[in-house]
Amino acid sequence: MALGLCILMGIDRIYVGAHYPTDVIAGLALGGSIGLLLARPATAALSELFTRFGSGPLRGLVFAGDRS
């Protein structure tokens, strides 16, 4: 879904004349490669963060409902 919206937005940007096709292709390539490189470290860091906050006094900010 997100990839489709990104492609549609890129086509839009080309259509209105805001960017050249090579700009859009380079942006998609750069954004995709950064996303692939950072997906695992970000997931690990967020999992650790949720685990820490989930067992402390701020658990109401992280989890919905009562987790007693």
PDB file of N, CA and C in Angstrom:
ATOM      1  N   MET A   1       0.816  -1.190   0.000  1.00  0.00           N
ATOM      2  CA  MET A   1       0.000   0.000   0.000  1.00  0.00           C
ATOM      3  C   MET A   1       0.863   1.259   0.000  1.00  0.00           C
ATOM      4  N   ALA A   2       1.832   1.317   0.918  1.00  0.00           N
ATOM      5  CA  ALA A   2       2.682   2.503   1.011  1.00  0.00           C
ATOM      6  C   ALA A   2       3.522   2.674  -0.254  1.00  0.00           C
ATOM      7  N   LEU A   3       4.010   1.557  -0.792  1.00  0.00           N
ATOM      8  CA  LEU A   3       4.816   1.645  -2.010  1.00  0.00           C
ATOM      9  C   LEU A   3       3.974   2.179  -3.164  1.00  0.00           C
ATOM     10  N   GLY A   4       2.744   1.729  -3.260  1.00  0.00           N
ATOM     11  CA  GLY A   4       1.849   2.226  -4.303  1.00  0.00           C
ATOM     12  C   GLY A   4       1.593   3.723  -4.176  1.00  0.00           C
ATOM     13  N   LEU A   5       1.395   4.183  -2.946  1.00  0.00           N
ATOM     14  CA  LEU A   5       1.180   5.608  -2.729  1.00  0.00           C
ATOM     15  C   LEU A   5       2.430   6.419  -3.058  1.00  0.00           C
ATOM     16  N   CYS A   6       3.602   5.873  -2.756  1.00  0.00           N
ATOM     17  CA  CYS A   6       4.853   6.563  -3.093  1.00  0.00           C
ATOM     18  C   CYS A   6       5.019   6.687  -4.606  1.00  0.00           C
ATOM     19  N   ILE A   7       4.712   5.628  -5.312  1.00  0.00           N
ATOM     20  CA  ILE A   7       4.821   5.657  -6.771  1.00  0.00           C
ATOM     21  C   ILE A   7       3.813   6.641  -7.350  1.00  0.00           C
ATOM     22  N   LEU A   8       2.589   6.630  -6.830  1.00  0.00           N
ATOM     23  CA  LEU A   8       1.572   7.559  -7.298  1.00  0.00           C
ATOM     24  C   LEU A   8       1.987   9.009  -7.041  1.00  0.00           C
ATOM     25  N   MET A   9       2.553   9.256  -5.886  1.00  0.00           N
ATOM     26  CA  MET A   9       3.014  10.603  -5.563  1.00  0.00           C
ATOM     27  C   MET A   9       4.152  11.018  -6.489  1.00  0.00           C
ATOM     28  N   GLY A  10       5.056  10.091  -6.807  1.00  0.00           N
ATOM     29  CA  GLY A  10       6.143  10.391  -7.730  1.00  0.00           C
ATOM     30  C   GLY A  10       5.629  10.740  -9.113  1.00  0.00           C
ATOM     31  N   ILE A  11       4.639   9.988  -9.574  1.00  0.00           N
ATOM     32  CA  ILE A  11       4.031  10.274 -10.878  1.00  0.00           C
ATOM     33  C   ILE A  11       3.363  11.643 -10.846  1.00  0.00           C
ATOM     34  N   ASP A  12       2.696  11.948  -9.746  1.00  0.00           N
ATOM     35  CA  ASP A  12       2.079  13.263  -9.580  1.00  0.00           C
ATOM     36  C   ASP A  12       3.107  14.384  -9.685  1.00  0.00           C
ATOM     37  N   ARG A  13       4.236  14.214  -9.005  1.00  0.00           N
ATOM     38  CA  ARG A  13       5.278  15.241  -8.998  1.00  0.00           C
ATOM     39  C   ARG A  13       5.846  15.464 -10.400  1.00  0.00           C
ATOM     40  N   ILE A  14       5.957  14.397 -11.169  1.00  0.00           N
ATOM     41  CA  ILE A  14       6.427  14.524 -12.548  1.00  0.00           C
ATOM     42  C   ILE A  14       5.366  15.222 -13.394  1.00  0.00           C
ATOM     43  N   TYR A  15       4.103  14.837 -13.219  1.00  0.00           N
ATOM     44  CA  TYR A  15       3.001  15.374 -14.004  1.00  0.00           C
ATOM     45  C   TYR A  15       2.870  16.889 -13.847  1.00  0.00           C
ATOM     46  N   VAL A  16       2.980  17.383 -12.607  1.00  0.00           N
ATOM     47  CA  VAL A  16       2.823  18.828 -12.379  1.00  0.00           C
ATOM     48  C   VAL A  16       4.098  19.602 -12.690  1.00  0.00           C
ATOM     49  N   GLY A  17       5.170  18.899 -13.028  1.00  0.00           N
ATOM     50  CA  GLY A  17       6.416  19.561 -13.413  1.00  0.00           C
ATOM     51  C   GLY A  17       7.306  19.965 -12.257  1.00  0.00           C
ATOM     52  N   ALA A  18       7.048  19.429 -11.086  1.00  0.00           N
ATOM     53  CA  ALA A  18       7.861  19.784  -9.923  1.00  0.00           C
ATOM     54  C   ALA A  18       9.217  19.080  -9.933  1.00  0.00           C
ATOM     55  N   HIS A  19       9.292  17.873 -10.560  1.00  0.00           N
ATOM     56  CA  HIS A  19      10.533  17.101 -10.599  1.00  0.00           C
ATOM     57  C   HIS A  19      10.681  16.419 -11.946  1.00  0.00           C
ATOM     58  N   TYR A  20      11.935  16.121 -12.269  1.00  0.00           N
ATOM     59  CA  TYR A  20      12.222  15.285 -13.430  1.00  0.00           C
ATOM     60  C   TYR A  20      12.051  13.821 -13.034  1.00  0.00           C
ATOM     61  N   PRO A  21      11.802  12.936 -14.001  1.00  0.00           N
ATOM     62  CA  PRO A  21      11.665  11.503 -13.673  1.00  0.00           C
ATOM     63  C   PRO A  21      12.889  10.931 -12.960  1.00  0.00           C
ATOM     64  N   THR A  22      14.084  11.388 -13.328  1.00  0.00           N
ATOM     65  CA  THR A  22      15.287  10.873 -12.663  1.00  0.00           C
ATOM     66  C   THR A  22      15.337  11.284 -11.193  1.00  0.00           C
ATOM     67  N   ASP A  23      14.810  12.467 -10.878  1.00  0.00           N
ATOM     68  CA  ASP A  23      14.745  12.900  -9.469  1.00  0.00           C
ATOM     69  C   ASP A  23      13.872  11.956  -8.659  1.00  0.00           C
ATOM     70  N   VAL A  24      12.732  11.601  -9.224  1.00  0.00           N
ATOM     71  CA  VAL A  24      11.785  10.732  -8.529  1.00  0.00           C
ATOM     72  C   VAL A  24      12.360   9.332  -8.371  1.00  0.00           C
ATOM     73  N   ILE A  25      12.987   8.820  -9.417  1.00  0.00           N
ATOM     74  CA  ILE A  25      13.589   7.480  -9.346  1.00  0.00           C
ATOM     75  C   ILE A  25      14.709   7.456  -8.312  1.00  0.00           C
ATOM     76  N   ALA A  26      15.541   8.492  -8.298  1.00  0.00           N
ATOM     77  CA  ALA A  26      16.626   8.560  -7.315  1.00  0.00           C
ATOM     78  C   ALA A  26      16.067   8.647  -5.891  1.00  0.00           C
ATOM     79  N   GLY A  27      15.011   9.416  -5.708  1.00  0.00           N
ATOM     80  CA  GLY A  27      14.395   9.528  -4.388  1.00  0.00           C
ATOM     81  C   GLY A  27      13.803   8.217  -3.911  1.00  0.00           C
ATOM     82  N   LEU A  28      13.138   7.506  -4.829  1.00  0.00           N
ATOM     83  CA  LEU A  28      12.588   6.198  -4.462  1.00  0.00           C
ATOM     84  C   LEU A  28      13.696   5.207  -4.117  1.00  0.00           C
ATOM     85  N   ALA A  29      14.776   5.230  -4.891  1.00  0.00           N
ATOM     86  CA  ALA A  29      15.894   4.320  -4.624  1.00  0.00           C
ATOM     87  C   ALA A  29      16.571   4.641  -3.294  1.00  0.00           C
ATOM     88  N   LEU A  30      16.809   5.922  -3.039  1.00  0.00           N
ATOM     89  CA  LEU A  30      17.454   6.320  -1.789  1.00  0.00           C
ATOM     90  C   LEU A  30      16.568   6.019  -0.585  1.00  0.00           C
ATOM     91  N   GLY A  31      15.293   6.396  -0.680  1.00  0.00           N
ATOM     92  CA  GLY A  31      14.372   6.131   0.424  1.00  0.00           C
ATOM     93  C   GLY A  31      14.185   4.649   0.689  1.00  0.00           C
ATOM     94  N   GLY A  32      14.091   3.866  -0.379  1.00  0.00           N
ATOM     95  CA  GLY A  32      13.940   2.416  -0.212  1.00  0.00           C
ATOM     96  C   GLY A  32      15.152   1.768   0.414  1.00  0.00           C
ATOM     97  N   SER A  33      16.345   2.188  -0.023  1.00  0.00           N
ATOM     98  CA  SER A  33      17.559   1.586   0.537  1.00  0.00           C
ATOM     99  C   SER A  33      17.757   1.982   1.995  1.00  0.00           C
ATOM    100  N   ILE A  34      17.460   3.210   2.339  1.00  0.00           N
ATOM    101  CA  ILE A  34      17.556   3.631   3.743  1.00  0.00           C
ATOM    102  C   ILE A  34      16.534   2.877   4.590  1.00  0.00           C
ATOM    103  N   GLY A  35      15.333   2.719   4.056  1.00  0.00           N
ATOM    104  CA  GLY A  35      14.311   1.961   4.774  1.00  0.00           C
ATOM    105  C   GLY A  35      14.725   0.523   5.024  1.00  0.00           C
ATOM    106  N   LEU A  36      15.307  -0.109   4.004  1.00  0.00           N
ATOM    107  CA  LEU A  36      15.758  -1.497   4.174  1.00  0.00           C
ATOM    108  C   LEU A  36      16.916  -1.605   5.152  1.00  0.00           C
ATOM    109  N   LEU A  37      17.821  -0.643   5.133  1.00  0.00           N
ATOM    110  CA  LEU A  37      18.967  -0.684   6.035  1.00  0.00           C
ATOM    111  C   LEU A  37      18.576  -0.443   7.489  1.00  0.00           C
ATOM    112  N   LEU A  38      17.597   0.395   7.709  1.00  0.00           N
ATOM    113  CA  LEU A  38      17.265   0.786   9.078  1.00  0.00           C
ATOM    114  C   LEU A  38      16.067   0.063   9.678  1.00  0.00           C
ATOM    115  N   ALA A  39      15.398  -0.800   8.917  1.00  0.00           N
ATOM    116  CA  ALA A  39      14.201  -1.460   9.427  1.00  0.00           C
ATOM    117  C   ALA A  39      14.498  -2.347  10.631  1.00  0.00           C
ATOM    118  N   ARG A  40      15.495  -3.189  10.535  1.00  0.00           N
ATOM    119  CA  ARG A  40      15.799  -4.096  11.667  1.00  0.00           C
ATOM    120  C   ARG A  40      16.303  -3.357  12.903  1.00  0.00           C
ATOM    121  N   PRO A  41      17.283  -2.440  12.772  1.00  0.00           N
ATOM    122  CA  PRO A  41      17.724  -1.729  13.977  1.00  0.00           C
ATOM    123  C   PRO A  41      16.614  -0.904  14.623  1.00  0.00           C
ATOM    124  N   ALA A  42      15.768  -0.290  13.814  1.00  0.00           N
ATOM    125  CA  ALA A  42      14.672   0.506  14.374  1.00  0.00           C
ATOM    126  C   ALA A  42      13.668  -0.384  15.090  1.00  0.00           C
ATOM    127  N   THR A  43      13.364  -1.545  14.531  1.00  0.00           N
ATOM    128  CA  THR A  43      12.435  -2.466  15.167  1.00  0.00           C
ATOM    129  C   THR A  43      12.992  -2.968  16.492  1.00  0.00           C
ATOM    130  N   ALA A  44      14.276  -3.295  16.510  1.00  0.00           N
ATOM    131  CA  ALA A  44      14.899  -3.764  17.751  1.00  0.00           C
ATOM    132  C   ALA A  44      14.898  -2.671  18.818  1.00  0.00           C
ATOM    133  N   ALA A  45      15.227  -1.452  18.417  1.00  0.00           N
ATOM    134  CA  ALA A  45      15.267  -0.353  19.379  1.00  0.00           C
ATOM    135  C   ALA A  45      13.877  -0.046  19.921  1.00  0.00           C
ATOM    136  N   LEU A  46      12.874  -0.037  19.056  1.00  0.00           N
ATOM    137  CA  LEU A  46      11.518   0.247  19.515  1.00  0.00           C
ATOM    138  C   LEU A  46      10.967  -0.871  20.379  1.00  0.00           C
ATOM    139  N   SER A  47      11.310  -2.110  20.077  1.00  0.00           N
ATOM    140  CA  SER A  47      10.863  -3.225  20.913  1.00  0.00           C
ATOM    141  C   SER A  47      11.435  -3.101  22.317  1.00  0.00           C
ATOM    142  N   GLU A  48      12.705  -2.763  22.400  1.00  0.00           N
ATOM    143  CA  GLU A  48      13.351  -2.567  23.708  1.00  0.00           C
ATOM    144  C   GLU A  48      12.700  -1.411  24.460  1.00  0.00           C
ATOM    145  N   LEU A  49      12.429  -0.340  23.762  1.00  0.00           N
ATOM    146  CA  LEU A  49      11.807   0.826  24.378  1.00  0.00           C
ATOM    147  C   LEU A  49      10.418   0.500  24.899  1.00  0.00           C
ATOM    148  N   PHE A  50       9.614  -0.209  24.103  1.00  0.00           N
ATOM    149  CA  PHE A  50       8.274  -0.589  24.545  1.00  0.00           C
ATOM    150  C   PHE A  50       8.329  -1.543  25.729  1.00  0.00           C
ATOM    151  N   THR A  51       9.310  -2.432  25.742  1.00  0.00           N
ATOM    152  CA  THR A  51       9.453  -3.354  26.862  1.00  0.00           C
ATOM    153  C   THR A  51       9.767  -2.590  28.141  1.00  0.00           C
ATOM    154  N   ARG A  52      10.674  -1.615  28.053  1.00  0.00           N
ATOM    155  CA  ARG A  52      11.028  -0.830  29.243  1.00  0.00           C
ATOM    156  C   ARG A  52       9.860   0.009  29.747  1.00  0.00           C
ATOM    157  N   PHE A  53       9.189   0.704  28.832  1.00  0.00           N
ATOM    158  CA  PHE A  53       8.071   1.547  29.244  1.00  0.00           C
ATOM    159  C   PHE A  53       6.863   0.717  29.654  1.00  0.00           C
ATOM    160  N   GLY A  54       6.718  -0.468  29.097  1.00  0.00           N
ATOM    161  CA  GLY A  54       5.570  -1.306  29.402  1.00  0.00           C
ATOM    162  C   GLY A  54       5.562  -1.838  30.818  1.00  0.00           C
ATOM    163  N   SER A  55       6.719  -1.866  31.460  1.00  0.00           N
ATOM    164  CA  SER A  55       6.773  -2.384  32.823  1.00  0.00           C
ATOM    165  C   SER A  55       6.993  -1.274  33.850  1.00  0.00           C
ATOM    166  N   GLY A  56       6.996  -0.032  33.434  1.00  0.00           N
ATOM    167  CA  GLY A  56       7.234   1.075  34.354  1.00  0.00           C
ATOM    168  C   GLY A  56       5.999   1.927  34.563  1.00  0.00           C
ATOM    169  N   PRO A  57       6.194   3.059  35.209  1.00  0.00           N
ATOM    170  CA  PRO A  57       5.063   3.934  35.518  1.00  0.00           C
ATOM    171  C   PRO A  57       4.454   4.606  34.279  1.00  0.00           C
ATOM    172  N   LEU A  58       5.135   4.595  33.157  1.00  0.00           N
ATOM    173  CA  LEU A  58       4.622   5.228  31.947  1.00  0.00           C
ATOM    174  C   LEU A  58       3.906   4.259  31.020  1.00  0.00           C
ATOM    175  N   ARG A  59       3.562   3.072  31.517  1.00  0.00           N
ATOM    176  CA  ARG A  59       2.951   2.066  30.636  1.00  0.00           C
ATOM    177  C   ARG A  59       1.630   2.511  30.048  1.00  0.00           C
ATOM    178  N   GLY A  60       0.926   3.428  30.714  1.00  0.00           N
ATOM    179  CA  GLY A  60      -0.328   3.945  30.185  1.00  0.00           C
ATOM    180  C   GLY A  60      -0.136   4.764  28.919  1.00  0.00           C
ATOM    181  N   LEU A  61       1.066   5.303  28.726  1.00  0.00           N
ATOM    182  CA  LEU A  61       1.351   6.059  27.506  1.00  0.00           C
ATOM    183  C   LEU A  61       1.670   5.140  26.341  1.00  0.00           C
ATOM    184  N   VAL A  62       2.089   3.923  26.628  1.00  0.00           N
ATOM    185  CA  VAL A  62       2.521   2.998  25.588  1.00  0.00           C
ATOM    186  C   VAL A  62       1.427   2.018  25.223  1.00  0.00           C
ATOM    187  N   PHE A  63       0.743   1.496  26.229  1.00  0.00           N
ATOM    188  CA  PHE A  63      -0.262   0.458  25.988  1.00  0.00           C
ATOM    189  C   PHE A  63      -1.652   0.972  26.339  1.00  0.00           C
ATOM    190  N   ALA A  64      -2.633   0.589  25.543  1.00  0.00           N
ATOM    191  CA  ALA A  64      -4.011   0.966  25.819  1.00  0.00           C
ATOM    192  C   ALA A  64      -4.635  -0.063  26.768  1.00  0.00           C
ATOM    193  N   GLY A  65      -5.486   0.388  27.622  1.00  0.00           N
ATOM    194  CA  GLY A  65      -6.177  -0.527  28.530  1.00  0.00           C
ATOM    195  C   GLY A  65      -5.358  -0.857  29.762  1.00  0.00           C
ATOM    196  N   ASP A  66      -5.940  -1.642  30.630  1.00  0.00           N
ATOM    197  CA  ASP A  66      -5.296  -2.046  31.875  1.00  0.00           C
ATOM    198  C   ASP A  66      -4.467  -3.288  31.638  1.00  0.00           C
ATOM    199  N   ARG A  67      -3.194  -3.248  31.958  1.00  0.00           N
ATOM    200  CA  ARG A  67      -2.296  -4.387  31.765  1.00  0.00           C
ATOM    201  C   ARG A  67      -1.800  -4.910  33.107  1.00  0.00           C
ATOM    202  N   SER A  68      -2.673  -5.001  34.079  1.00  0.00           N
ATOM    203  CA  SER A  68      -2.297  -5.451  35.426  1.00  0.00           C
ATOM    204  C   SER A  68      -1.980  -6.916  35.448  1.00  0.00           C
TER     205      SER A  68
END
